[in-house]
Amino acid sequence: MTRHDTATGDPTPAALESTTATELAPRRADSSRVEIFQMLGWRWDITAAKQITQGRVPEGRIVTEWWAGMLNLIVIDPEHAAVVDLSQPLIVATVPTGGMPIIDGWHRLCKALTIGVEELSAVVLTAEEERACRICGGEEPAEEDLADIENLDEDAEENMVEGDEENLVGSA
């Protein structure tokens, strides 16, 4: 996906509409921008995440190849990806659903894959830190939705063939 900028360097409205994963946020009072990352229904304040993790020693490593397929879901500016600093750790969030998505560092991941770097360092936000950075997403389901989920679980158990437990996907 191509990003189109105006003469001032701001993205055109059409470019913002087409951006599904990363977008620019409104300016602050001091005219700086808040960096935002969005994936599906989740959105995080990356400016806050960077402040929380500033100076923190990376706790983990990301195997770049495992994340390569996700790049198809992310808007990547190839010019920016070519000049990013791979020594800066990625930021990974611990989300309530049990996942750990990369919320900052997709351009670094793209560059690493392009030049053959197999691993990148990462800092991991705790659940509390992730929640402090989360703008939206991960809301608790309504009671009626929980009842529907429980009914689906019961139906699945009734229809399961005995001894088929190893073929189940997910967890209860």
C-alpha atoms as a PDB file:
ATOM      1  CA  MET A   1       0.000   0.000   0.000  1.00  0.00           C
ATOM      2  CA  THR A   2       1.413   3.372  -0.936  1.00  0.00           C
ATOM      3  CA  ARG A   3       1.310   6.384   1.334  1.00  0.00           C
ATOM      4  CA  HIS A   4       0.652   9.763  -0.279  1.00  0.00           C
ATOM      5  CA  ASP A   5       1.840  12.904   1.482  1.00  0.00           C
ATOM      6  CA  THR A   6       0.872  16.526   0.996  1.00  0.00           C
ATOM      7  CA  ALA A   7       3.434  19.282   0.441  1.00  0.00           C
ATOM      8  CA  THR A   8       3.664  19.721   4.230  1.00  0.00           C
ATOM      9  CA  GLY A   9       4.448  16.022   4.697  1.00  0.00           C
ATOM     10  CA  ASP A  10       1.083  15.189   6.248  1.00  0.00           C
ATOM     11  CA  PRO A  11      -0.737  12.153   4.843  1.00  0.00           C
ATOM     12  CA  THR A  12      -3.621  12.907   2.508  1.00  0.00           C
ATOM     13  CA  PRO A  13      -7.098  11.987   3.765  1.00  0.00           C
ATOM     14  CA  ALA A  14      -7.238   9.158   1.190  1.00  0.00           C
ATOM     15  CA  ALA A  15      -4.016   7.697   2.546  1.00  0.00           C
ATOM     16  CA  LEU A  16      -5.326   7.806   6.109  1.00  0.00           C
ATOM     17  CA  GLU A  17      -8.523   6.028   5.075  1.00  0.00           C
ATOM     18  CA  SER A  18      -6.533   3.208   3.520  1.00  0.00           C
ATOM     19  CA  THR A  19      -4.289   2.793   6.557  1.00  0.00           C
ATOM     20  CA  THR A  20      -5.708  -0.096   8.563  1.00  0.00           C
ATOM     21  CA  ALA A  21      -2.811  -0.950  10.861  1.00  0.00           C
ATOM     22  CA  THR A  22      -0.912   2.238  11.594  1.00  0.00           C
ATOM     23  CA  GLU A  23      -2.177   5.787  11.629  1.00  0.00           C
ATOM     24  CA  LEU A  24      -1.185   9.236  12.739  1.00  0.00           C
ATOM     25  CA  ALA A  25      -3.014  10.644  15.705  1.00  0.00           C
ATOM     26  CA  PRO A  26      -4.021  14.214  16.456  1.00  0.00           C
ATOM     27  CA  ARG A  27      -1.351  16.716  17.418  1.00  0.00           C
ATOM     28  CA  ARG A  28      -0.720  17.455  21.084  1.00  0.00           C
ATOM     29  CA  ALA A  29      -0.704  20.959  22.475  1.00  0.00           C
ATOM     30  CA  ASP A  30       3.090  21.077  21.953  1.00  0.00           C
ATOM     31  CA  SER A  31       2.517  20.203  18.222  1.00  0.00           C
ATOM     32  CA  SER A  32       4.074  16.735  18.545  1.00  0.00           C
ATOM     33  CA  ARG A  33       2.180  13.722  17.298  1.00  0.00           C
ATOM     34  CA  VAL A  34       1.001  10.774  19.337  1.00  0.00           C
ATOM     35  CA  GLU A  35       2.094   7.578  17.613  1.00  0.00           C
ATOM     36  CA  ILE A  36      -0.728   5.046  17.365  1.00  0.00           C
ATOM     37  CA  PHE A  37      -0.737   1.399  16.286  1.00  0.00           C
ATOM     38  CA  GLN A  38      -3.928  -0.414  15.394  1.00  0.00           C
ATOM     39  CA  MET A  39      -4.459  -4.084  14.667  1.00  0.00           C
ATOM     40  CA  LEU A  40      -7.998  -5.245  14.041  1.00  0.00           C
ATOM     41  CA  GLY A  41     -10.148  -3.838  16.882  1.00  0.00           C
ATOM     42  CA  TRP A  42      -7.192  -3.064  19.143  1.00  0.00           C
ATOM     43  CA  ARG A  43      -5.400   0.296  19.310  1.00  0.00           C
ATOM     44  CA  TRP A  44      -2.397   1.372  21.406  1.00  0.00           C
ATOM     45  CA  ASP A  45      -0.679   4.668  22.211  1.00  0.00           C
ATOM     46  CA  ILE A  46       2.883   3.860  21.118  1.00  0.00           C
ATOM     47  CA  THR A  47       4.185   7.172  22.427  1.00  0.00           C
ATOM     48  CA  ALA A  48       3.131   6.042  25.935  1.00  0.00           C
ATOM     49  CA  ALA A  49       4.547   2.534  25.374  1.00  0.00           C
ATOM     50  CA  LYS A  50       7.917   4.012  24.381  1.00  0.00           C
ATOM     51  CA  GLN A  51       7.930   6.191  27.504  1.00  0.00           C
ATOM     52  CA  ILE A  52       7.170   3.179  29.716  1.00  0.00           C
ATOM     53  CA  THR A  53       9.891   1.040  28.131  1.00  0.00           C
ATOM     54  CA  GLN A  54      12.534   3.757  27.739  1.00  0.00           C
ATOM     55  CA  GLY A  55      15.859   2.482  29.054  1.00  0.00           C
ATOM     56  CA  ARG A  56      14.513  -0.988  29.788  1.00  0.00           C
ATOM     57  CA  VAL A  57      16.770  -3.922  28.940  1.00  0.00           C
ATOM     58  CA  PRO A  58      15.089  -6.168  26.332  1.00  0.00           C
ATOM     59  CA  GLU A  59      13.687  -9.321  27.923  1.00  0.00           C
ATOM     60  CA  GLY A  60      13.169 -11.423  24.836  1.00  0.00           C
ATOM     61  CA  ARG A  61      13.921 -12.166  21.213  1.00  0.00           C
ATOM     62  CA  ILE A  62      11.542 -12.230  18.253  1.00  0.00           C
ATOM     63  CA  VAL A  63      12.210 -14.809  15.532  1.00  0.00           C
ATOM     64  CA  THR A  64      11.608 -12.691  12.449  1.00  0.00           C
ATOM     65  CA  GLU A  65      10.547 -15.557  10.187  1.00  0.00           C
ATOM     66  CA  TRP A  66       7.660 -16.458  12.510  1.00  0.00           C
ATOM     67  CA  TRP A  67       6.183 -12.979  12.057  1.00  0.00           C
ATOM     68  CA  ALA A  68       6.780 -12.606   8.289  1.00  0.00           C
ATOM     69  CA  GLY A  69       3.207 -13.516   7.343  1.00  0.00           C
ATOM     70  CA  MET A  70       1.790 -10.773   9.550  1.00  0.00           C
ATOM     71  CA  LEU A  71       3.510  -8.103   7.457  1.00  0.00           C
ATOM     72  CA  ASN A  72       0.712  -8.539   4.901  1.00  0.00           C
ATOM     73  CA  LEU A  73      -1.645  -7.000   7.468  1.00  0.00           C
ATOM     74  CA  ILE A  74       0.550  -4.016   8.279  1.00  0.00           C
ATOM     75  CA  VAL A  75       1.085  -0.852   6.241  1.00  0.00           C
ATOM     76  CA  ILE A  76       4.841  -0.586   5.709  1.00  0.00           C
ATOM     77  CA  ASP A  77       6.595   2.457   4.246  1.00  0.00           C
ATOM     78  CA  PRO A  78       9.566   0.860   2.415  1.00  0.00           C
ATOM     79  CA  GLU A  79      11.616   4.081   2.553  1.00  0.00           C
ATOM     80  CA  HIS A  80      11.212   4.253   6.327  1.00  0.00           C
ATOM     81  CA  ALA A  81      11.884   0.509   6.735  1.00  0.00           C
ATOM     82  CA  ALA A  82      15.175   0.902   4.866  1.00  0.00           C
ATOM     83  CA  VAL A  83      16.555   3.385   7.414  1.00  0.00           C
ATOM     84  CA  VAL A  84      15.267   2.093  10.776  1.00  0.00           C
ATOM     85  CA  ASP A  85      17.696   1.188  13.549  1.00  0.00           C
ATOM     86  CA  LEU A  86      17.589  -2.555  14.221  1.00  0.00           C
ATOM     87  CA  SER A  87      19.320  -2.076  17.567  1.00  0.00           C
ATOM     88  CA  GLN A  88      16.097  -0.544  18.955  1.00  0.00           C
ATOM     89  CA  PRO A  89      14.003  -3.307  20.560  1.00  0.00           C
ATOM     90  CA  LEU A  90      10.493  -4.100  19.406  1.00  0.00           C
ATOM     91  CA  ILE A  91       7.658  -3.572  21.883  1.00  0.00           C
ATOM     92  CA  VAL A  92       5.401  -6.546  22.559  1.00  0.00           C
ATOM     93  CA  ALA A  93       2.170  -6.292  24.552  1.00  0.00           C
ATOM     94  CA  THR A  94       0.696  -8.868  26.906  1.00  0.00           C
ATOM     95  CA  VAL A  95      -3.024  -8.785  26.077  1.00  0.00           C
ATOM     96  CA  PRO A  96      -5.938 -10.228  28.090  1.00  0.00           C
ATOM     97  CA  THR A  97      -6.699 -12.892  25.466  1.00  0.00           C
ATOM     98  CA  GLY A  98      -3.300 -14.447  26.149  1.00  0.00           C
ATOM     99  CA  GLY A  99      -1.632 -13.228  22.980  1.00  0.00           C
ATOM    100  CA  MET A 100       1.529 -11.166  22.710  1.00  0.00           C
ATOM    101  CA  PRO A 101       1.343  -8.971  19.582  1.00  0.00           C
ATOM    102  CA  ILE A 102       4.130  -6.711  18.392  1.00  0.00           C
ATOM    103  CA  ILE A 103       2.792  -3.185  18.834  1.00  0.00           C
ATOM    104  CA  ASP A 104       5.934  -1.290  17.835  1.00  0.00           C
ATOM    105  CA  GLY A 105       8.696  -2.311  15.448  1.00  0.00           C
ATOM    106  CA  TRP A 106       7.030  -3.545  12.269  1.00  0.00           C
ATOM    107  CA  HIS A 107       9.345  -1.493  10.037  1.00  0.00           C
ATOM    108  CA  ARG A 108      12.327  -2.990  11.904  1.00  0.00           C
ATOM    109  CA  LEU A 109      10.876  -6.462  11.400  1.00  0.00           C
ATOM    110  CA  CYS A 110      10.452  -5.771   7.678  1.00  0.00           C
ATOM    111  CA  LYS A 111      14.047  -4.564   7.360  1.00  0.00           C
ATOM    112  CA  ALA A 112      15.349  -7.534   9.356  1.00  0.00           C
ATOM    113  CA  LEU A 113      13.561  -9.963   7.047  1.00  0.00           C
ATOM    114  CA  THR A 114      14.825  -8.095   3.981  1.00  0.00           C
ATOM    115  CA  ILE A 115      18.485  -8.262   5.021  1.00  0.00           C
ATOM    116  CA  GLY A 116      18.360 -11.706   6.640  1.00  0.00           C
ATOM    117  CA  VAL A 117      18.438 -10.885  10.362  1.00  0.00           C
ATOM    118  CA  GLU A 118      16.947 -13.906  12.126  1.00  0.00           C
ATOM    119  CA  GLU A 119      16.119 -12.386  15.525  1.00  0.00           C
ATOM    120  CA  LEU A 120      15.340  -8.976  17.012  1.00  0.00           C
ATOM    121  CA  SER A 121      15.332  -7.971  20.673  1.00  0.00           C
ATOM    122  CA  ALA A 122      12.052  -7.064  22.335  1.00  0.00           C
ATOM    123  CA  VAL A 123      10.723  -5.508  25.497  1.00  0.00           C
ATOM    124  CA  VAL A 124       7.472  -6.906  26.837  1.00  0.00           C
ATOM    125  CA  LEU A 125       4.793  -4.730  28.388  1.00  0.00           C
ATOM    126  CA  THR A 126       3.175  -6.274  31.450  1.00  0.00           C
ATOM    127  CA  ALA A 127      -0.606  -6.623  31.416  1.00  0.00           C
ATOM    128  CA  GLU A 128      -0.872  -3.444  33.515  1.00  0.00           C
ATOM    129  CA  GLU A 129       1.478  -1.507  31.218  1.00  0.00           C
ATOM    130  CA  GLU A 130      -0.378  -2.756  28.137  1.00  0.00           C
ATOM    131  CA  ARG A 131      -3.670  -1.579  29.610  1.00  0.00           C
ATOM    132  CA  ALA A 132      -2.166   1.848  30.325  1.00  0.00           C
ATOM    133  CA  CYS A 133      -1.209   2.129  26.637  1.00  0.00           C
ATOM    134  CA  ARG A 134      -4.353   0.577  25.161  1.00  0.00           C
ATOM    135  CA  ILE A 135      -6.770   3.048  23.643  1.00  0.00           C
ATOM    136  CA  CYS A 136      -9.419   0.483  22.703  1.00  0.00           C
ATOM    137  CA  GLY A 137      -9.982  -3.231  22.157  1.00  0.00           C
ATOM    138  CA  GLY A 138     -10.087  -6.207  24.458  1.00  0.00           C
ATOM    139  CA  GLU A 139     -13.272  -5.126  26.169  1.00  0.00           C
ATOM    140  CA  GLU A 140     -15.002  -7.726  28.304  1.00  0.00           C
ATOM    141  CA  PRO A 141     -17.834  -9.512  26.468  1.00  0.00           C
ATOM    142  CA  ALA A 142     -21.386  -8.782  27.539  1.00  0.00           C
ATOM    143  CA  GLU A 143     -23.160 -11.352  29.761  1.00  0.00           C
ATOM    144  CA  GLU A 144     -25.361 -12.567  26.874  1.00  0.00           C
ATOM    145  CA  ASP A 145     -22.246 -13.102  24.725  1.00  0.00           C
ATOM    146  CA  LEU A 146     -20.668 -15.154  27.521  1.00  0.00           C
ATOM    147  CA  ALA A 147     -23.820 -17.308  27.665  1.00  0.00           C
ATOM    148  CA  ASP A 148     -23.616 -17.885  23.897  1.00  0.00           C
ATOM    149  CA  ILE A 149     -19.950 -18.885  24.199  1.00  0.00           C
ATOM    150  CA  GLU A 150     -20.774 -21.327  27.013  1.00  0.00           C
ATOM    151  CA  ASN A 151     -23.573 -22.853  24.872  1.00  0.00           C
ATOM    152  CA  LEU A 152     -21.149 -23.299  21.970  1.00  0.00           C
ATOM    153  CA  ASP A 153     -18.661 -24.990  24.306  1.00  0.00           C
ATOM    154  CA  GLU A 154     -21.359 -27.370  25.575  1.00  0.00           C
ATOM    155  CA  ASP A 155     -22.458 -28.185  22.010  1.00  0.00           C
ATOM    156  CA  ALA A 156     -18.864 -28.879  21.009  1.00  0.00           C
ATOM    157  CA  GLU A 157     -18.370 -31.220  23.975  1.00  0.00           C
ATOM    158  CA  GLU A 158     -21.569 -33.123  23.137  1.00  0.00           C
ATOM    159  CA  ASN A 159     -20.509 -33.532  19.495  1.00  0.00           C
ATOM    160  CA  MET A 160     -16.914 -34.493  20.219  1.00  0.00           C
ATOM    161  CA  VAL A 161     -15.901 -38.020  19.373  1.00  0.00           C
ATOM    162  CA  GLU A 162     -14.370 -39.793  22.345  1.00  0.00           C
ATOM    163  CA  GLY A 163     -10.574 -39.809  22.119  1.00  0.00           C
ATOM    164  CA  ASP A 164     -10.583 -36.766  19.814  1.00  0.00           C
ATOM    165  CA  GLU A 165      -9.263 -34.354  22.486  1.00  0.00           C
ATOM    166  CA  GLU A 166      -5.854 -34.088  20.833  1.00  0.00           C
ATOM    167  CA  ASN A 167      -7.447 -32.621  17.689  1.00  0.00           C
ATOM    168  CA  LEU A 168      -9.019 -29.694  19.502  1.00  0.00           C
ATOM    169  CA  VAL A 169      -7.781 -26.232  18.684  1.00  0.00           C
ATOM    170  CA  GLY A 170      -7.666 -23.622  21.419  1.00  0.00           C
ATOM    171  CA  SER A 171      -8.221 -24.028  25.102  1.00  0.00           C
ATOM    172  CA  ALA A 172     -11.107 -23.978  27.523  1.00  0.00           C
END
